[in-house]
Amino acid sequence: MHKSCMKMPNDVEKYYNVRTYTITDVQSQKFNSEVAGQFLRDTSERNSRYYIRLLYQNGRYTHTEQAYKISLIEFIANIGGISGFCVGMSIMSLFQIFLYLLMAKVGHLQRRKGGRKRNSKQDYRNNENQDNVESSSMIKEEPRSPA
Protein backbone atom coordinates (compact mmCIF):
# COMPACT_ATOMS: atom_id res chain seq x y z
CA MET A 1 0.00 0.00 0.00
CA HIS A 2 1.34 3.42 -0.90
CA LYS A 3 1.90 6.05 1.75
CA SER A 4 -0.13 8.49 -0.32
CA CYS A 5 -3.30 6.47 0.30
CA MET A 6 -5.30 8.00 3.13
CA LYS A 7 -6.59 5.42 5.57
CA MET A 8 -9.02 6.01 8.34
CA PRO A 9 -8.22 4.53 11.79
CA ASN A 10 -10.99 1.92 11.70
CA ASP A 11 -10.09 0.50 8.28
CA VAL A 12 -8.93 -3.09 8.25
CA GLU A 13 -5.98 -4.26 6.22
CA LYS A 14 -5.03 -7.89 5.72
CA TYR A 15 -1.78 -9.03 4.17
CA TYR A 16 -1.36 -12.53 2.83
CA ASN A 17 1.72 -14.37 1.64
CA VAL A 18 0.59 -16.51 -1.26
CA ARG A 19 2.42 -19.46 -2.77
CA THR A 20 1.21 -20.81 -6.04
CA TYR A 21 1.73 -24.30 -7.36
CA THR A 22 1.42 -25.67 -10.85
CA ILE A 23 0.61 -29.15 -12.14
CA THR A 24 4.29 -29.97 -12.19
CA ASP A 25 4.47 -29.12 -8.47
CA VAL A 26 1.61 -31.54 -7.86
CA GLN A 27 3.29 -34.22 -9.93
CA SER A 28 6.52 -33.79 -8.02
CA GLN A 29 4.65 -34.69 -4.81
CA LYS A 30 4.82 -31.35 -2.99
CA PHE A 31 1.24 -32.03 -1.98
CA ASN A 32 -0.24 -34.91 -0.06
CA SER A 33 0.11 -37.94 -2.32
CA GLU A 34 -3.57 -38.94 -1.94
CA VAL A 35 -4.86 -35.52 -2.93
CA ALA A 36 -2.33 -35.23 -5.74
CA GLY A 37 -3.22 -38.66 -7.09
CA GLN A 38 -6.95 -37.88 -7.12
CA PHE A 39 -6.31 -34.53 -8.75
CA LEU A 40 -4.16 -36.03 -11.49
CA ARG A 41 -6.42 -39.02 -12.20
CA ASP A 42 -9.75 -37.23 -12.64
CA THR A 43 -9.34 -34.84 -15.57
CA SER A 44 -12.96 -33.60 -15.38
CA GLU A 45 -12.38 -32.30 -11.86
CA ARG A 46 -9.03 -30.89 -12.82
CA ASN A 47 -10.60 -28.84 -15.62
CA SER A 48 -13.68 -27.67 -13.73
CA ARG A 49 -12.39 -26.83 -10.26
CA TYR A 50 -9.85 -24.77 -8.51
CA TYR A 51 -8.38 -25.96 -5.28
CA ILE A 52 -7.26 -23.50 -2.68
CA ARG A 53 -5.56 -24.70 0.41
CA LEU A 54 -4.69 -22.18 3.07
CA LEU A 55 -1.84 -23.03 5.37
CA TYR A 56 -0.64 -20.93 8.25
CA GLN A 57 3.00 -21.30 9.15
CA ASN A 58 2.44 -20.20 12.72
CA GLY A 59 -0.36 -18.87 14.87
CA ARG A 60 1.15 -15.43 15.28
CA TYR A 61 -0.07 -12.33 13.54
CA THR A 62 0.95 -8.70 13.45
CA HIS A 63 -1.44 -6.12 14.86
CA THR A 64 -0.96 -2.65 13.37
CA GLU A 65 -2.76 0.48 14.50
CA GLN A 66 -3.03 3.60 12.41
CA ALA A 67 -3.82 7.08 13.64
CA TYR A 68 -5.18 9.80 11.40
CA LYS A 69 -3.03 12.92 11.72
CA ILE A 70 -4.01 16.39 10.57
CA SER A 71 -2.07 19.63 10.39
CA LEU A 72 -2.81 22.70 12.50
CA ILE A 73 -4.45 24.48 9.56
CA GLU A 74 -6.74 21.50 8.91
CA PHE A 75 -7.62 21.39 12.61
CA ILE A 76 -8.57 25.10 12.67
CA ALA A 77 -10.57 24.69 9.47
CA ASN A 78 -12.43 21.71 10.95
CA ILE A 79 -13.26 23.61 14.15
CA GLY A 80 -14.47 26.61 12.12
CA GLY A 81 -16.56 24.42 9.87
CA ILE A 82 -18.18 22.54 12.73
CA SER A 83 -18.89 25.69 14.75
CA GLY A 84 -20.25 27.42 11.66
CA PHE A 85 -22.50 24.47 10.99
CA CYS A 86 -23.74 24.31 14.59
CA VAL A 87 -24.17 28.04 15.19
CA GLY A 88 -25.28 28.85 11.67
CA MET A 89 -22.87 31.72 11.26
CA SER A 90 -20.05 32.43 8.93
CA ILE A 91 -17.53 35.22 8.67
CA MET A 92 -19.85 37.05 6.27
CA SER A 93 -22.69 36.85 8.79
CA LEU A 94 -20.46 38.33 11.50
CA PHE A 95 -19.40 41.09 9.10
CA GLN A 96 -23.06 41.86 8.30
CA ILE A 97 -23.94 42.04 12.01
CA PHE A 98 -21.02 44.43 12.61
CA LEU A 99 -22.09 46.56 9.63
CA TYR A 100 -25.71 46.67 10.86
CA LEU A 101 -24.63 47.80 14.35
CA LEU A 102 -22.34 50.45 12.85
CA MET A 103 -25.14 51.82 10.63
CA ALA A 104 -27.54 51.87 13.59
CA LYS A 105 -25.02 53.89 15.62
CA VAL A 106 -24.42 56.33 12.74
CA GLY A 107 -28.19 56.76 12.28
CA HIS A 108 -28.63 57.41 16.00
CA LEU A 109 -25.88 60.05 15.96
CA GLN A 110 -27.41 61.75 12.92
CA ARG A 111 -30.85 61.88 14.53
CA ARG A 112 -29.33 63.26 17.70
CA LYS A 113 -27.40 65.90 15.77
CA GLY A 114 -30.50 66.80 13.72
CA GLY A 115 -32.49 67.25 16.96
CA ARG A 116 -29.94 69.77 18.20
CA LYS A 117 -30.27 71.81 15.01
CA ARG A 118 -34.03 71.95 15.36
CA ASN A 119 -33.69 73.02 18.97
CA SER A 120 -31.23 75.75 18.09
CA LYS A 121 -33.52 77.10 15.34
CA GLN A 122 -36.45 76.97 17.71
CA ASP A 123 -34.42 78.74 20.39
CA TYR A 124 -33.49 81.44 17.86
CA ARG A 125 -37.15 81.99 16.96
CA ASN A 126 -38.16 82.13 20.62
CA ASN A 127 -35.43 84.65 21.37
CA GLU A 128 -36.47 86.75 18.38
CA ASN A 129 -40.09 86.79 19.53
CA GLN A 130 -39.06 87.78 23.05
CA ASP A 131 -36.93 90.60 21.67
CA ASN A 132 -39.88 91.87 19.64
CA VAL A 133 -42.14 91.79 22.67
CA GLU A 134 -39.60 93.61 24.79
CA SER A 135 -38.95 96.26 22.17
CA SER A 136 -42.64 96.83 21.62
CA SER A 137 -43.20 97.25 25.31
CA MET A 138 -40.39 99.78 25.47
CA ILE A 139 -41.89 101.90 22.74
CA LYS A 140 -45.04 103.36 24.02
CA GLU A 141 -47.46 104.41 21.50
CA GLU A 142 -48.95 107.75 22.07
CA PRO A 143 -52.62 107.96 21.47
CA ARG A 144 -53.48 109.99 18.44
CA SER A 145 -55.74 112.81 18.80
CA PRO A 146 -58.63 112.98 16.45
CA ALA A 147 -58.06 115.68 14.07
C-alpha atoms as a PDB file:
ATOM      1  CA  MET A   1       0.000   0.000   0.000  1.00  0.00           C
ATOM      2  CA  HIS A   2       1.339   3.416  -0.901  1.00  0.00           C
ATOM      3  CA  LYS A   3       1.899   6.048   1.750  1.00  0.00           C
ATOM      4  CA  SER A   4      -0.130   8.495  -0.316  1.00  0.00           C
ATOM      5  CA  CYS A   5      -3.296   6.466   0.297  1.00  0.00           C
ATOM      6  CA  MET A   6      -5.304   7.997   3.126  1.00  0.00           C
ATOM      7  CA  LYS A   7      -6.585   5.416   5.570  1.00  0.00           C
ATOM      8  CA  MET A   8      -9.024   6.006   8.339  1.00  0.00           C
ATOM      9  CA  PRO A   9      -8.223   4.533  11.789  1.00  0.00           C
ATOM     10  CA  ASN A  10     -10.991   1.917  11.701  1.00  0.00           C
ATOM     11  CA  ASP A  11     -10.085   0.505   8.283  1.00  0.00           C
ATOM     12  CA  VAL A  12      -8.934  -3.094   8.251  1.00  0.00           C
ATOM     13  CA  GLU A  13      -5.982  -4.260   6.218  1.00  0.00           C
ATOM     14  CA  LYS A  14      -5.026  -7.885   5.721  1.00  0.00           C
ATOM     15  CA  TYR A  15      -1.783  -9.029   4.174  1.00  0.00           C
ATOM     16  CA  TYR A  16      -1.357 -12.531   2.830  1.00  0.00           C
ATOM     17  CA  ASN A  17       1.718 -14.371   1.640  1.00  0.00           C
ATOM     18  CA  VAL A  18       0.592 -16.510  -1.260  1.00  0.00           C
ATOM     19  CA  ARG A  19       2.420 -19.459  -2.766  1.00  0.00           C
ATOM     20  CA  THR A  20       1.207 -20.813  -6.039  1.00  0.00           C
ATOM     21  CA  TYR A  21       1.733 -24.305  -7.362  1.00  0.00           C
ATOM     22  CA  THR A  22       1.421 -25.671 -10.855  1.00  0.00           C
ATOM     23  CA  ILE A  23       0.609 -29.151 -12.136  1.00  0.00           C
ATOM     24  CA  THR A  24       4.293 -29.972 -12.194  1.00  0.00           C
ATOM     25  CA  ASP A  25       4.469 -29.125  -8.474  1.00  0.00           C
ATOM     26  CA  VAL A  26       1.609 -31.543  -7.858  1.00  0.00           C
ATOM     27  CA  GLN A  27       3.292 -34.216  -9.927  1.00  0.00           C
ATOM     28  CA  SER A  28       6.520 -33.788  -8.024  1.00  0.00           C
ATOM     29  CA  GLN A  29       4.649 -34.692  -4.812  1.00  0.00           C
ATOM     30  CA  LYS A  30       4.816 -31.353  -2.992  1.00  0.00           C
ATOM     31  CA  PHE A  31       1.242 -32.031  -1.978  1.00  0.00           C
ATOM     32  CA  ASN A  32      -0.238 -34.905  -0.057  1.00  0.00           C
ATOM     33  CA  SER A  33       0.106 -37.937  -2.320  1.00  0.00           C
ATOM     34  CA  GLU A  34      -3.569 -38.945  -1.944  1.00  0.00           C
ATOM     35  CA  VAL A  35      -4.857 -35.518  -2.933  1.00  0.00           C
ATOM     36  CA  ALA A  36      -2.325 -35.226  -5.741  1.00  0.00           C
ATOM     37  CA  GLY A  37      -3.221 -38.659  -7.090  1.00  0.00           C
ATOM     38  CA  GLN A  38      -6.955 -37.882  -7.121  1.00  0.00           C
ATOM     39  CA  PHE A  39      -6.308 -34.535  -8.749  1.00  0.00           C
ATOM     40  CA  LEU A  40      -4.157 -36.026 -11.488  1.00  0.00           C
ATOM     41  CA  ARG A  41      -6.421 -39.020 -12.205  1.00  0.00           C
ATOM     42  CA  ASP A  42      -9.748 -37.230 -12.637  1.00  0.00           C
ATOM     43  CA  THR A  43      -9.342 -34.841 -15.566  1.00  0.00           C
ATOM     44  CA  SER A  44     -12.960 -33.603 -15.378  1.00  0.00           C
ATOM     45  CA  GLU A  45     -12.377 -32.299 -11.865  1.00  0.00           C
ATOM     46  CA  ARG A  46      -9.025 -30.889 -12.819  1.00  0.00           C
ATOM     47  CA  ASN A  47     -10.595 -28.839 -15.620  1.00  0.00           C
ATOM     48  CA  SER A  48     -13.679 -27.670 -13.726  1.00  0.00           C
ATOM     49  CA  ARG A  49     -12.390 -26.827 -10.265  1.00  0.00           C
ATOM     50  CA  TYR A  50      -9.847 -24.766  -8.513  1.00  0.00           C
ATOM     51  CA  TYR A  51      -8.378 -25.957  -5.282  1.00  0.00           C
ATOM     52  CA  ILE A  52      -7.257 -23.503  -2.684  1.00  0.00           C
ATOM     53  CA  ARG A  53      -5.560 -24.703   0.408  1.00  0.00           C
ATOM     54  CA  LEU A  54      -4.689 -22.178   3.070  1.00  0.00           C
ATOM     55  CA  LEU A  55      -1.835 -23.035   5.373  1.00  0.00           C
ATOM     56  CA  TYR A  56      -0.639 -20.932   8.248  1.00  0.00           C
ATOM     57  CA  GLN A  57       3.005 -21.303   9.146  1.00  0.00           C
ATOM     58  CA  ASN A  58       2.443 -20.205  12.724  1.00  0.00           C
ATOM     59  CA  GLY A  59      -0.359 -18.865  14.873  1.00  0.00           C
ATOM     60  CA  ARG A  60       1.152 -15.426  15.276  1.00  0.00           C
ATOM     61  CA  TYR A  61      -0.071 -12.333  13.536  1.00  0.00           C
ATOM     62  CA  THR A  62       0.945  -8.705  13.447  1.00  0.00           C
ATOM     63  CA  HIS A  63      -1.438  -6.124  14.856  1.00  0.00           C
ATOM     64  CA  THR A  64      -0.955  -2.653  13.368  1.00  0.00           C
ATOM     65  CA  GLU A  65      -2.763   0.479  14.500  1.00  0.00           C
ATOM     66  CA  GLN A  66      -3.034   3.597  12.407  1.00  0.00           C
ATOM     67  CA  ALA A  67      -3.815   7.084  13.643  1.00  0.00           C
ATOM     68  CA  TYR A  68      -5.176   9.796  11.404  1.00  0.00           C
ATOM     69  CA  LYS A  69      -3.030  12.916  11.720  1.00  0.00           C
ATOM     70  CA  ILE A  70      -4.007  16.386  10.571  1.00  0.00           C
ATOM     71  CA  SER A  71      -2.074  19.629  10.392  1.00  0.00           C
ATOM     72  CA  LEU A  72      -2.806  22.704  12.501  1.00  0.00           C
ATOM     73  CA  ILE A  73      -4.447  24.475   9.559  1.00  0.00           C
ATOM     74  CA  GLU A  74      -6.735  21.500   8.909  1.00  0.00           C
ATOM     75  CA  PHE A  75      -7.621  21.392  12.613  1.00  0.00           C
ATOM     76  CA  ILE A  76      -8.566  25.101  12.673  1.00  0.00           C
ATOM     77  CA  ALA A  77     -10.570  24.691   9.467  1.00  0.00           C
ATOM     78  CA  ASN A  78     -12.432  21.708  10.949  1.00  0.00           C
ATOM     79  CA  ILE A  79     -13.258  23.612  14.149  1.00  0.00           C
ATOM     80  CA  GLY A  80     -14.467  26.609  12.116  1.00  0.00           C
ATOM     81  CA  GLY A  81     -16.565  24.418   9.868  1.00  0.00           C
ATOM     82  CA  ILE A  82     -18.178  22.542  12.732  1.00  0.00           C
ATOM     83  CA  SER A  83     -18.889  25.688  14.752  1.00  0.00           C
ATOM     84  CA  GLY A  84     -20.247  27.425  11.661  1.00  0.00           C
ATOM     85  CA  PHE A  85     -22.496  24.474  10.993  1.00  0.00           C
ATOM     86  CA  CYS A  86     -23.739  24.309  14.593  1.00  0.00           C
ATOM     87  CA  VAL A  87     -24.168  28.041  15.193  1.00  0.00           C
ATOM     88  CA  GLY A  88     -25.285  28.849  11.671  1.00  0.00           C
ATOM     89  CA  MET A  89     -22.874  31.719  11.260  1.00  0.00           C
ATOM     90  CA  SER A  90     -20.050  32.432   8.928  1.00  0.00           C
ATOM     91  CA  ILE A  91     -17.527  35.225   8.673  1.00  0.00           C
ATOM     92  CA  MET A  92     -19.853  37.048   6.270  1.00  0.00           C
ATOM     93  CA  SER A  93     -22.687  36.854   8.794  1.00  0.00           C
ATOM     94  CA  LEU A  94     -20.458  38.331  11.496  1.00  0.00           C
ATOM     95  CA  PHE A  95     -19.403  41.089   9.097  1.00  0.00           C
ATOM     96  CA  GLN A  96     -23.063  41.857   8.304  1.00  0.00           C
ATOM     97  CA  ILE A  97     -23.938  42.041  12.009  1.00  0.00           C
ATOM     98  CA  PHE A  98     -21.017  44.425  12.611  1.00  0.00           C
ATOM     99  CA  LEU A  99     -22.092  46.562   9.628  1.00  0.00           C
ATOM    100  CA  TYR A 100     -25.705  46.673  10.858  1.00  0.00           C
ATOM    101  CA  LEU A 101     -24.629  47.796  14.346  1.00  0.00           C
ATOM    102  CA  LEU A 102     -22.340  50.445  12.847  1.00  0.00           C
ATOM    103  CA  MET A 103     -25.140  51.816  10.629  1.00  0.00           C
ATOM    104  CA  ALA A 104     -27.536  51.871  13.595  1.00  0.00           C
ATOM    105  CA  LYS A 105     -25.019  53.888  15.621  1.00  0.00           C
ATOM    106  CA  VAL A 106     -24.424  56.333  12.743  1.00  0.00           C
ATOM    107  CA  GLY A 107     -28.186  56.763  12.279  1.00  0.00           C
ATOM    108  CA  HIS A 108     -28.627  57.410  16.000  1.00  0.00           C
ATOM    109  CA  LEU A 109     -25.885  60.047  15.963  1.00  0.00           C
ATOM    110  CA  GLN A 110     -27.407  61.750  12.915  1.00  0.00           C
ATOM    111  CA  ARG A 111     -30.851  61.885  14.526  1.00  0.00           C
ATOM    112  CA  ARG A 112     -29.335  63.260  17.696  1.00  0.00           C
ATOM    113  CA  LYS A 113     -27.396  65.900  15.765  1.00  0.00           C
ATOM    114  CA  GLY A 114     -30.500  66.797  13.716  1.00  0.00           C
ATOM    115  CA  GLY A 115     -32.488  67.247  16.959  1.00  0.00           C
ATOM    116  CA  ARG A 116     -29.939  69.774  18.198  1.00  0.00           C
ATOM    117  CA  LYS A 117     -30.270  71.808  15.009  1.00  0.00           C
ATOM    118  CA  ARG A 118     -34.028  71.954  15.361  1.00  0.00           C
ATOM    119  CA  ASN A 119     -33.687  73.021  18.973  1.00  0.00           C
ATOM    120  CA  SER A 120     -31.232  75.754  18.093  1.00  0.00           C
ATOM    121  CA  LYS A 121     -33.524  77.097  15.344  1.00  0.00           C
ATOM    122  CA  GLN A 122     -36.448  76.974  17.707  1.00  0.00           C
ATOM    123  CA  ASP A 123     -34.417  78.741  20.394  1.00  0.00           C
ATOM    124  CA  TYR A 124     -33.492  81.436  17.862  1.00  0.00           C
ATOM    125  CA  ARG A 125     -37.149  81.994  16.960  1.00  0.00           C
ATOM    126  CA  ASN A 126     -38.155  82.125  20.624  1.00  0.00           C
ATOM    127  CA  ASN A 127     -35.429  84.648  21.369  1.00  0.00           C
ATOM    128  CA  GLU A 128     -36.467  86.755  18.377  1.00  0.00           C
ATOM    129  CA  ASN A 129     -40.090  86.792  19.527  1.00  0.00           C
ATOM    130  CA  GLN A 130     -39.055  87.777  23.046  1.00  0.00           C
ATOM    131  CA  ASP A 131     -36.934  90.604  21.666  1.00  0.00           C
ATOM    132  CA  ASN A 132     -39.875  91.872  19.639  1.00  0.00           C
ATOM    133  CA  VAL A 133     -42.143  91.788  22.672  1.00  0.00           C
ATOM    134  CA  GLU A 134     -39.604  93.610  24.789  1.00  0.00           C
ATOM    135  CA  SER A 135     -38.951  96.261  22.166  1.00  0.00           C
ATOM    136  CA  SER A 136     -42.640  96.831  21.618  1.00  0.00           C
ATOM    137  CA  SER A 137     -43.196  97.251  25.314  1.00  0.00           C
ATOM    138  CA  MET A 138     -40.385  99.784  25.467  1.00  0.00           C
ATOM    139  CA  ILE A 139     -41.889 101.901  22.742  1.00  0.00           C
ATOM    140  CA  LYS A 140     -45.038 103.356  24.022  1.00  0.00           C
ATOM    141  CA  GLU A 141     -47.463 104.414  21.500  1.00  0.00           C
ATOM    142  CA  GLU A 142     -48.947 107.749  22.071  1.00  0.00           C
ATOM    143  CA  PRO A 143     -52.618 107.961  21.470  1.00  0.00           C
ATOM    144  CA  ARG A 144     -53.481 109.992  18.437  1.00  0.00           C
ATOM    145  CA  SER A 145     -55.739 112.807  18.798  1.00  0.00           C
ATOM    146  CA  PRO A 146     -58.627 112.982  16.448  1.00  0.00           C
ATOM    147  CA  ALA A 147     -58.060 115.682  14.065  1.00  0.00           C
END
